[in-house]
Amino acid sequence: KNLLSQLERLQNKQILARKLLYWTRLPHIEACYEELVQDPQQFGKIWEFLSTRPEDHGAGSNVVKIRKGGQRDVIRNYNEVREVLTNSKFVTLLE
């Protein structure tokens, strides 16, 4: 399979999961890793949703980015990936 079809499939699965949660009317919250890394205060929304506090569990909201390099450092065929994504709706996945 090619990259765009795989990304499309993953996006469709995400859309379906959101719809299922909406249809079941189950309480839920969506957390995005990138947003949590950018603003650890976002963890407050998660703790509030869980009706608890991090200090009650010895937990904090310290998100530590493990990967030190950029995408170019971890994607062997980065130039090809960039070329495919540049003119697609998935261009935002590039750093």
PDB file of N, CA and C in Angstrom:
ATOM      1  N   LYS A   1       0.843  -1.198   0.000  1.00  0.00           N
ATOM      2  CA  LYS A   1       0.000   0.000   0.000  1.00  0.00           C
ATOM      3  C   LYS A   1       0.877   1.246   0.000  1.00  0.00           C
ATOM      4  N   ASN A   2       0.316   2.302  -0.526  1.00  0.00           N
ATOM      5  CA  ASN A   2       1.122   3.510  -0.513  1.00  0.00           C
ATOM      6  C   ASN A   2       0.787   4.364   0.711  1.00  0.00           C
ATOM      7  N   LEU A   3       1.627   5.320   0.973  1.00  0.00           N
ATOM      8  CA  LEU A   3       1.527   6.147   2.171  1.00  0.00           C
ATOM      9  C   LEU A   3       0.193   6.871   2.274  1.00  0.00           C
ATOM     10  N   LEU A   4      -0.244   7.499   1.198  1.00  0.00           N
ATOM     11  CA  LEU A   4      -1.497   8.264   1.255  1.00  0.00           C
ATOM     12  C   LEU A   4      -2.698   7.379   1.548  1.00  0.00           C
ATOM     13  N   SER A   5      -2.746   6.184   0.989  1.00  0.00           N
ATOM     14  CA  SER A   5      -3.889   5.309   1.262  1.00  0.00           C
ATOM     15  C   SER A   5      -3.867   4.838   2.708  1.00  0.00           C
ATOM     16  N   GLN A   6      -2.696   4.602   3.251  1.00  0.00           N
ATOM     17  CA  GLN A   6      -2.600   4.210   4.656  1.00  0.00           C
ATOM     18  C   GLN A   6      -3.034   5.342   5.579  1.00  0.00           C
ATOM     19  N   LEU A   7      -2.606   6.560   5.274  1.00  0.00           N
ATOM     20  CA  LEU A   7      -3.010   7.708   6.081  1.00  0.00           C
ATOM     21  C   LEU A   7      -4.513   7.946   5.972  1.00  0.00           C
ATOM     22  N   GLU A   8      -5.048   7.770   4.794  1.00  0.00           N
ATOM     23  CA  GLU A   8      -6.491   7.923   4.571  1.00  0.00           C
ATOM     24  C   GLU A   8      -7.265   6.896   5.402  1.00  0.00           C
ATOM     25  N   ARG A   9      -6.774   5.657   5.391  1.00  0.00           N
ATOM     26  CA  ARG A   9      -7.424   4.589   6.164  1.00  0.00           C
ATOM     27  C   ARG A   9      -7.399   4.911   7.663  1.00  0.00           C
ATOM     28  N   LEU A  10      -6.267   5.374   8.162  1.00  0.00           N
ATOM     29  CA  LEU A  10      -6.160   5.737   9.579  1.00  0.00           C
ATOM     30  C   LEU A  10      -7.083   6.898   9.928  1.00  0.00           C
ATOM     31  N   GLN A  11      -7.158   7.872   9.044  1.00  0.00           N
ATOM     32  CA  GLN A  11      -8.043   9.013   9.277  1.00  0.00           C
ATOM     33  C   GLN A  11      -9.508   8.562   9.302  1.00  0.00           C
ATOM     34  N   ASN A  12      -9.881   7.679   8.401  1.00  0.00           N
ATOM     35  CA  ASN A  12     -11.253   7.171   8.376  1.00  0.00           C
ATOM     36  C   ASN A  12     -11.591   6.391   9.641  1.00  0.00           C
ATOM     37  N   LYS A  13     -10.630   5.626  10.140  1.00  0.00           N
ATOM     38  CA  LYS A  13     -10.847   4.892  11.388  1.00  0.00           C
ATOM     39  C   LYS A  13     -11.046   5.865  12.552  1.00  0.00           C
ATOM     40  N   GLN A  14     -10.297   6.942  12.552  1.00  0.00           N
ATOM     41  CA  GLN A  14     -10.424   7.952  13.599  1.00  0.00           C
ATOM     42  C   GLN A  14     -11.795   8.625  13.525  1.00  0.00           C
ATOM     43  N   ILE A  15     -12.241   8.946  12.338  1.00  0.00           N
ATOM     44  CA  ILE A  15     -13.555   9.557  12.145  1.00  0.00           C
ATOM     45  C   ILE A  15     -14.650   8.610  12.622  1.00  0.00           C
ATOM     46  N   LEU A  16     -14.538   7.340  12.271  1.00  0.00           N
ATOM     47  CA  LEU A  16     -15.516   6.344  12.691  1.00  0.00           C
ATOM     48  C   LEU A  16     -15.552   6.217  14.215  1.00  0.00           C
ATOM     49  N   ALA A  17     -14.387   6.186  14.840  1.00  0.00           N
ATOM     50  CA  ALA A  17     -14.330   6.088  16.304  1.00  0.00           C
ATOM     51  C   ALA A  17     -15.001   7.292  16.953  1.00  0.00           C
ATOM     52  N   ARG A  18     -14.764   8.481  16.420  1.00  0.00           N
ATOM     53  CA  ARG A  18     -15.415   9.681  16.962  1.00  0.00           C
ATOM     54  C   ARG A  18     -16.936   9.592  16.818  1.00  0.00           C
ATOM     55  N   LYS A  19     -17.390   9.114  15.652  1.00  0.00           N
ATOM     56  CA  LYS A  19     -18.833   8.974  15.420  1.00  0.00           C
ATOM     57  C   LYS A  19     -19.443   7.956  16.378  1.00  0.00           C
ATOM     58  N   LEU A  20     -18.765   6.843  16.587  1.00  0.00           N
ATOM     59  CA  LEU A  20     -19.269   5.827  17.504  1.00  0.00           C
ATOM     60  C   LEU A  20     -19.404   6.379  18.921  1.00  0.00           C
ATOM     61  N   LEU A  21     -18.414   7.129  19.346  1.00  0.00           N
ATOM     62  CA  LEU A  21     -18.500   7.738  20.670  1.00  0.00           C
ATOM     63  C   LEU A  21     -19.664   8.723  20.748  1.00  0.00           C
ATOM     64  N   TYR A  22     -19.850   9.490  19.707  1.00  0.00           N
ATOM     65  CA  TYR A  22     -20.957  10.445  19.662  1.00  0.00           C
ATOM     66  C   TYR A  22     -22.300   9.712  19.706  1.00  0.00           C
ATOM     67  N   TRP A  23     -22.440   8.674  18.889  1.00  0.00           N
ATOM     68  CA  TRP A  23     -23.704   7.938  18.802  1.00  0.00           C
ATOM     69  C   TRP A  23     -24.041   7.214  20.109  1.00  0.00           C
ATOM     70  N   THR A  24     -23.021   6.696  20.792  1.00  0.00           N
ATOM     71  CA  THR A  24     -23.271   5.982  22.043  1.00  0.00           C
ATOM     72  C   THR A  24     -23.510   6.939  23.204  1.00  0.00           C
ATOM     73  N   ARG A  25     -23.180   8.198  22.988  1.00  0.00           N
ATOM     74  CA  ARG A  25     -23.339   9.243  24.006  1.00  0.00           C
ATOM     75  C   ARG A  25     -22.541   8.951  25.275  1.00  0.00           C
ATOM     76  N   LEU A  26     -21.497   8.167  25.118  1.00  0.00           N
ATOM     77  CA  LEU A  26     -20.610   7.904  26.246  1.00  0.00           C
ATOM     78  C   LEU A  26     -19.776   9.149  26.529  1.00  0.00           C
ATOM     79  N   PRO A  27     -19.587   9.469  27.786  1.00  0.00           N
ATOM     80  CA  PRO A  27     -18.695  10.595  28.088  1.00  0.00           C
ATOM     81  C   PRO A  27     -17.282  10.247  27.615  1.00  0.00           C
ATOM     82  N   HIS A  28     -16.626  11.170  26.993  1.00  0.00           N
ATOM     83  CA  HIS A  28     -15.281  10.914  26.495  1.00  0.00           C
ATOM     84  C   HIS A  28     -14.516  12.217  26.357  1.00  0.00           C
ATOM     85  N   ILE A  29     -13.228  12.070  26.215  1.00  0.00           N
ATOM     86  CA  ILE A  29     -12.354  13.218  25.977  1.00  0.00           C
ATOM     87  C   ILE A  29     -11.283  12.753  24.995  1.00  0.00           C
ATOM     88  N   GLU A  30     -10.864  13.637  24.139  1.00  0.00           N
ATOM     89  CA  GLU A  30      -9.824  13.299  23.174  1.00  0.00           C
ATOM     90  C   GLU A  30      -8.564  14.067  23.538  1.00  0.00           C
ATOM     91  N   ALA A  31      -7.470  13.345  23.655  1.00  0.00           N
ATOM     92  CA  ALA A  31      -6.191  13.965  23.985  1.00  0.00           C
ATOM     93  C   ALA A  31      -5.253  13.806  22.802  1.00  0.00           C
ATOM     94  N   CYS A  32      -4.547  14.851  22.495  1.00  0.00           N
ATOM     95  CA  CYS A  32      -3.616  14.859  21.373  1.00  0.00           C
ATOM     96  C   CYS A  32      -2.196  15.025  21.916  1.00  0.00           C
ATOM     97  N   TYR A  33      -1.346  14.055  21.610  1.00  0.00           N
ATOM     98  CA  TYR A  33       0.034  14.070  22.107  1.00  0.00           C
ATOM     99  C   TYR A  33       0.723  15.403  21.822  1.00  0.00           C
ATOM    100  N   GLU A  34       0.603  15.871  20.595  1.00  0.00           N
ATOM    101  CA  GLU A  34       1.294  17.104  20.212  1.00  0.00           C
ATOM    102  C   GLU A  34       0.841  18.284  21.063  1.00  0.00           C
ATOM    103  N   GLU A  35      -0.460  18.360  21.353  1.00  0.00           N
ATOM    104  CA  GLU A  35      -0.982  19.450  22.186  1.00  0.00           C
ATOM    105  C   GLU A  35      -0.506  19.324  23.627  1.00  0.00           C
ATOM    106  N   LEU A  36      -0.418  18.087  24.129  1.00  0.00           N
ATOM    107  CA  LEU A  36       0.058  17.868  25.493  1.00  0.00           C
ATOM    108  C   LEU A  36       1.528  18.247  25.628  1.00  0.00           C
ATOM    109  N   VAL A  37       2.324  17.949  24.605  1.00  0.00           N
ATOM    110  CA  VAL A  37       3.733  18.313  24.631  1.00  0.00           C
ATOM    111  C   VAL A  37       3.880  19.831  24.572  1.00  0.00           C
ATOM    112  N   GLN A  38       3.087  20.461  23.725  1.00  0.00           N
ATOM    113  CA  GLN A  38       3.165  21.914  23.549  1.00  0.00           C
ATOM    114  C   GLN A  38       2.675  22.657  24.790  1.00  0.00           C
ATOM    115  N   ASP A  39       1.617  22.130  25.433  1.00  0.00           N
ATOM    116  CA  ASP A  39       1.037  22.802  26.590  1.00  0.00           C
ATOM    117  C   ASP A  39       0.621  21.772  27.635  1.00  0.00           C
ATOM    118  N   PRO A  40       1.532  21.420  28.557  1.00  0.00           N
ATOM    119  CA  PRO A  40       1.216  20.416  29.573  1.00  0.00           C
ATOM    120  C   PRO A  40       0.015  20.784  30.445  1.00  0.00           C
ATOM    121  N   GLN A  41      -0.397  22.034  30.442  1.00  0.00           N
ATOM    122  CA  GLN A  41      -1.588  22.429  31.200  1.00  0.00           C
ATOM    123  C   GLN A  41      -2.837  21.725  30.671  1.00  0.00           C
ATOM    124  N   GLN A  42      -2.756  21.217  29.424  1.00  0.00           N
ATOM    125  CA  GLN A  42      -3.873  20.483  28.842  1.00  0.00           C
ATOM    126  C   GLN A  42      -4.218  19.234  29.650  1.00  0.00           C
ATOM    127  N   PHE A  43      -3.248  18.738  30.431  1.00  0.00           N
ATOM    128  CA  PHE A  43      -3.512  17.578  31.277  1.00  0.00           C
ATOM    129  C   PHE A  43      -4.623  17.872  32.276  1.00  0.00           C
ATOM    130  N   GLY A  44      -4.781  19.134  32.632  1.00  0.00           N
ATOM    131  CA  GLY A  44      -5.836  19.512  33.574  1.00  0.00           C
ATOM    132  C   GLY A  44      -7.209  19.073  33.094  1.00  0.00           C
ATOM    133  N   LYS A  45      -7.447  19.191  31.788  1.00  0.00           N
ATOM    134  CA  LYS A  45      -8.736  18.769  31.224  1.00  0.00           C
ATOM    135  C   LYS A  45      -8.940  17.268  31.404  1.00  0.00           C
ATOM    136  N   ILE A  46      -7.863  16.515  31.275  1.00  0.00           N
ATOM    137  CA  ILE A  46      -7.956  15.060  31.432  1.00  0.00           C
ATOM    138  C   ILE A  46      -8.259  14.703  32.877  1.00  0.00           C
ATOM    139  N   TRP A  47      -7.525  15.309  33.817  1.00  0.00           N
ATOM    140  CA  TRP A  47      -7.767  15.033  35.238  1.00  0.00           C
ATOM    141  C   TRP A  47      -9.181  15.453  35.636  1.00  0.00           C
ATOM    142  N   GLU A  48      -9.629  16.575  35.101  1.00  0.00           N
ATOM    143  CA  GLU A  48     -10.995  17.028  35.395  1.00  0.00           C
ATOM    144  C   GLU A  48     -12.018  16.026  34.859  1.00  0.00           C
ATOM    145  N   PHE A  49     -11.809  15.545  33.650  1.00  0.00           N
ATOM    146  CA  PHE A  49     -12.710  14.562  33.061  1.00  0.00           C
ATOM    147  C   PHE A  49     -12.766  13.296  33.923  1.00  0.00           C
ATOM    148  N   LEU A  50     -11.627  12.906  34.472  1.00  0.00           N
ATOM    149  CA  LEU A  50     -11.556  11.714  35.313  1.00  0.00           C
ATOM    150  C   LEU A  50     -12.017  11.976  36.751  1.00  0.00           C
ATOM    151  N   SER A  51     -12.388  13.223  37.018  1.00  0.00           N
ATOM    152  CA  SER A  51     -12.839  13.631  38.359  1.00  0.00           C
ATOM    153  C   SER A  51     -11.808  13.283  39.430  1.00  0.00           C
ATOM    154  N   THR A  52     -10.579  13.610  39.133  1.00  0.00           N
ATOM    155  CA  THR A  52      -9.502  13.333  40.083  1.00  0.00           C
ATOM    156  C   THR A  52      -8.426  14.399  39.926  1.00  0.00           C
ATOM    157  N   ARG A  53      -7.393  14.271  40.738  1.00  0.00           N
ATOM    158  CA  ARG A  53      -6.268  15.194  40.658  1.00  0.00           C
ATOM    159  C   ARG A  53      -4.992  14.381  40.543  1.00  0.00           C
ATOM    160  N   PRO A  54      -4.000  14.903  39.846  1.00  0.00           N
ATOM    161  CA  PRO A  54      -2.765  14.121  39.664  1.00  0.00           C
ATOM    162  C   PRO A  54      -2.090  13.795  40.995  1.00  0.00           C
ATOM    163  N   GLU A  55      -2.142  14.704  41.932  1.00  0.00           N
ATOM    164  CA  GLU A  55      -1.465  14.462  43.213  1.00  0.00           C
ATOM    165  C   GLU A  55      -2.111  13.322  44.008  1.00  0.00           C
ATOM    166  N   ASP A  56      -3.375  12.990  43.676  1.00  0.00           N
ATOM    167  CA  ASP A  56      -4.035  11.865  44.340  1.00  0.00           C
ATOM    168  C   ASP A  56      -3.417  10.528  43.939  1.00  0.00           C
ATOM    169  N   HIS A  57      -2.673  10.509  42.844  1.00  0.00           N
ATOM    170  CA  HIS A  57      -2.119   9.263  42.318  1.00  0.00           C
ATOM    171  C   HIS A  57      -0.604   9.323  42.166  1.00  0.00           C
ATOM    172  N   GLY A  58      -0.012  10.367  42.690  1.00  0.00           N
ATOM    173  CA  GLY A  58       1.431  10.521  42.537  1.00  0.00           C
ATOM    174  C   GLY A  58       1.832  10.788  41.104  1.00  0.00           C
ATOM    175  N   ALA A  59       0.873  11.247  40.313  1.00  0.00           N
ATOM    176  CA  ALA A  59       1.136  11.497  38.898  1.00  0.00           C
ATOM    177  C   ALA A  59       1.306  12.991  38.649  1.00  0.00           C
ATOM    178  N   GLY A  60       2.089  13.281  37.685  1.00  0.00           N
ATOM    179  CA  GLY A  60       2.265  14.665  37.258  1.00  0.00           C
ATOM    180  C   GLY A  60       1.965  14.781  35.786  1.00  0.00           C
ATOM    181  N   SER A  61       2.224  15.939  35.251  1.00  0.00           N
ATOM    182  CA  SER A  61       1.950  16.150  33.837  1.00  0.00           C
ATOM    183  C   SER A  61       3.230  16.477  33.083  1.00  0.00           C
ATOM    184  N   ASN A  62       4.306  15.853  33.476  1.00  0.00           N
ATOM    185  CA  ASN A  62       5.579  16.100  32.807  1.00  0.00           C
ATOM    186  C   ASN A  62       5.686  15.228  31.568  1.00  0.00           C
ATOM    187  N   VAL A  63       5.476  15.822  30.434  1.00  0.00           N
ATOM    188  CA  VAL A  63       5.630  15.114  29.173  1.00  0.00           C
ATOM    189  C   VAL A  63       7.045  15.379  28.694  1.00  0.00           C
ATOM    190  N   VAL A  64       7.756  14.318  28.408  1.00  0.00           N
ATOM    191  CA  VAL A  64       9.127  14.455  27.952  1.00  0.00           C
ATOM    192  C   VAL A  64       9.211  13.903  26.540  1.00  0.00           C
ATOM    193  N   LYS A  65       9.657  14.734  25.631  1.00  0.00           N
ATOM    194  CA  LYS A  65       9.816  14.292  24.254  1.00  0.00           C
ATOM    195  C   LYS A  65      11.029  13.376  24.182  1.00  0.00           C
ATOM    196  N   ILE A  66      10.817  12.176  23.690  1.00  0.00           N
ATOM    197  CA  ILE A  66      11.883  11.181  23.642  1.00  0.00           C
ATOM    198  C   ILE A  66      12.764  11.381  22.422  1.00  0.00           C
ATOM    199  N   ARG A  67      12.143  11.622  21.274  1.00  0.00           N
ATOM    200  CA  ARG A  67      12.904  11.780  20.041  1.00  0.00           C
ATOM    201  C   ARG A  67      13.581  13.145  20.042  1.00  0.00           C
ATOM    202  N   LYS A  68      14.878  13.148  19.925  1.00  0.00           N
ATOM    203  CA  LYS A  68      15.637  14.402  19.969  1.00  0.00           C
ATOM    204  C   LYS A  68      15.789  15.043  18.595  1.00  0.00           C
ATOM    205  N   GLY A  69      15.905  14.236  17.566  1.00  0.00           N
ATOM    206  CA  GLY A  69      16.096  14.770  16.231  1.00  0.00           C
ATOM    207  C   GLY A  69      14.783  15.071  15.538  1.00  0.00           C
ATOM    208  N   GLY A  70      14.874  15.568  14.346  1.00  0.00           N
ATOM    209  CA  GLY A  70      13.682  15.852  13.557  1.00  0.00           C
ATOM    210  C   GLY A  70      13.249  14.647  12.746  1.00  0.00           C
ATOM    211  N   GLN A  71      12.201  14.821  11.988  1.00  0.00           N
ATOM    212  CA  GLN A  71      11.679  13.730  11.155  1.00  0.00           C
ATOM    213  C   GLN A  71      12.738  13.217  10.197  1.00  0.00           C
ATOM    214  N   ARG A  72      13.521  14.105   9.664  1.00  0.00           N
ATOM    215  CA  ARG A  72      14.569  13.730   8.705  1.00  0.00           C
ATOM    216  C   ARG A  72      15.553  12.726   9.318  1.00  0.00           C
ATOM    217  N   ASP A  73      15.725  12.806  10.653  1.00  0.00           N
ATOM    218  CA  ASP A  73      16.658  11.918  11.339  1.00  0.00           C
ATOM    219  C   ASP A  73      16.098  10.513  11.553  1.00  0.00           C
ATOM    220  N   VAL A  74      14.781  10.357  11.556  1.00  0.00           N
ATOM    221  CA  VAL A  74      14.193   9.050  11.871  1.00  0.00           C
ATOM    222  C   VAL A  74      13.452   8.403  10.708  1.00  0.00           C
ATOM    223  N   ILE A  75      13.206   9.144   9.651  1.00  0.00           N
ATOM    224  CA  ILE A  75      12.537   8.582   8.473  1.00  0.00           C
ATOM    225  C   ILE A  75      13.586   8.417   7.386  1.00  0.00           C
ATOM    226  N   ARG A  76      13.900   7.165   7.080  1.00  0.00           N
ATOM    227  CA  ARG A  76      14.969   6.879   6.110  1.00  0.00           C
ATOM    228  C   ARG A  76      14.723   7.507   4.752  1.00  0.00           C
ATOM    229  N   ASN A  77      13.490   7.456   4.290  1.00  0.00           N
ATOM    230  CA  ASN A  77      13.169   8.003   2.975  1.00  0.00           C
ATOM    231  C   ASN A  77      12.394   9.319   3.114  1.00  0.00           C
ATOM    232  N   TYR A  78      12.892  10.173   3.990  1.00  0.00           N
ATOM    233  CA  TYR A  78      12.204  11.426   4.305  1.00  0.00           C
ATOM    234  C   TYR A  78      11.891  12.255   3.060  1.00  0.00           C
ATOM    235  N   ASN A  79      12.822  12.382   2.145  1.00  0.00           N
ATOM    236  CA  ASN A  79      12.588  13.217   0.957  1.00  0.00           C
ATOM    237  C   ASN A  79      11.418  12.696   0.129  1.00  0.00           C
ATOM    238  N   GLU A  80      11.304  11.383   0.012  1.00  0.00           N
ATOM    239  CA  GLU A  80      10.183  10.801  -0.729  1.00  0.00           C
ATOM    240  C   GLU A  80       8.865  11.019   0.012  1.00  0.00           C
ATOM    241  N   VAL A  81       8.894  10.852   1.337  1.00  0.00           N
ATOM    242  CA  VAL A  81       7.696  11.081   2.142  1.00  0.00           C
ATOM    243  C   VAL A  81       7.263  12.539   2.021  1.00  0.00           C
ATOM    244  N   ARG A  82       8.217  13.441   2.122  1.00  0.00           N
ATOM    245  CA  ARG A  82       7.914  14.872   2.000  1.00  0.00           C
ATOM    246  C   ARG A  82       7.301  15.178   0.644  1.00  0.00           C
ATOM    247  N   GLU A  83       7.841  14.586  -0.396  1.00  0.00           N
ATOM    248  CA  GLU A  83       7.328  14.816  -1.754  1.00  0.00           C
ATOM    249  C   GLU A  83       5.871  14.352  -1.881  1.00  0.00           C
ATOM    250  N   VAL A  84       5.560  13.201  -1.299  1.00  0.00           N
ATOM    251  CA  VAL A  84       4.196  12.658  -1.371  1.00  0.00           C
ATOM    252  C   VAL A  84       3.229  13.516  -0.551  1.00  0.00           C
ATOM    253  N   LEU A  85       3.653  13.933   0.635  1.00  0.00           N
ATOM    254  CA  LEU A  85       2.748  14.662   1.535  1.00  0.00           C
ATOM    255  C   LEU A  85       2.592  16.136   1.187  1.00  0.00           C
ATOM    256  N   THR A  86       3.566  16.718   0.521  1.00  0.00           N
ATOM    257  CA  THR A  86       3.563  18.157   0.270  1.00  0.00           C
ATOM    258  C   THR A  86       2.290  18.656  -0.388  1.00  0.00           C
ATOM    259  N   ASN A  87       1.762  17.961  -1.368  1.00  0.00           N
ATOM    260  CA  ASN A  87       0.565  18.426  -2.070  1.00  0.00           C
ATOM    261  C   ASN A  87      -0.686  17.648  -1.659  1.00  0.00           C
ATOM    262  N   SER A  88      -0.675  17.137  -0.432  1.00  0.00           N
ATOM    263  CA  SER A  88      -1.821  16.374   0.041  1.00  0.00           C
ATOM    264  C   SER A  88      -2.433  17.063   1.258  1.00  0.00           C
ATOM    265  N   LYS A  89      -3.571  16.556   1.681  1.00  0.00           N
ATOM    266  CA  LYS A  89      -4.212  17.124   2.877  1.00  0.00           C
ATOM    267  C   LYS A  89      -3.450  16.740   4.140  1.00  0.00           C
ATOM    268  N   PHE A  90      -2.445  15.870   4.004  1.00  0.00           N
ATOM    269  CA  PHE A  90      -1.653  15.444   5.152  1.00  0.00           C
ATOM    270  C   PHE A  90      -0.350  16.218   5.297  1.00  0.00           C
ATOM    271  N   VAL A  91      -0.206  17.310   4.586  1.00  0.00           N
ATOM    272  CA  VAL A  91       1.014  18.107   4.622  1.00  0.00           C
ATOM    273  C   VAL A  91       1.324  18.581   6.040  1.00  0.00           C
ATOM    274  N   THR A  92       0.300  18.749   6.875  1.00  0.00           N
ATOM    275  CA  THR A  92       0.528  19.218   8.244  1.00  0.00           C
ATOM    276  C   THR A  92       1.278  18.203   9.106  1.00  0.00           C
ATOM    277  N   LEU A  93       1.389  16.970   8.625  1.00  0.00           N
ATOM    278  CA  LEU A  93       2.155  15.970   9.371  1.00  0.00           C
ATOM    279  C   LEU A  93       3.658  16.208   9.274  1.00  0.00           C
ATOM    280  N   LEU A  94       4.075  17.015   8.315  1.00  0.00           N
ATOM    281  CA  LEU A  94       5.488  17.336   8.175  1.00  0.00           C
ATOM    282  C   LEU A  94       5.863  18.407   9.187  1.00  0.00           C
ATOM    283  N   GLU A  95       7.086  18.274   9.733  1.00  0.00           N
ATOM    284  CA  GLU A  95       7.555  19.296  10.674  1.00  0.00           C
ATOM    285  C   GLU A  95       7.956  20.552   9.923  1.00  0.00           C
TER     286      GLU A  95
END
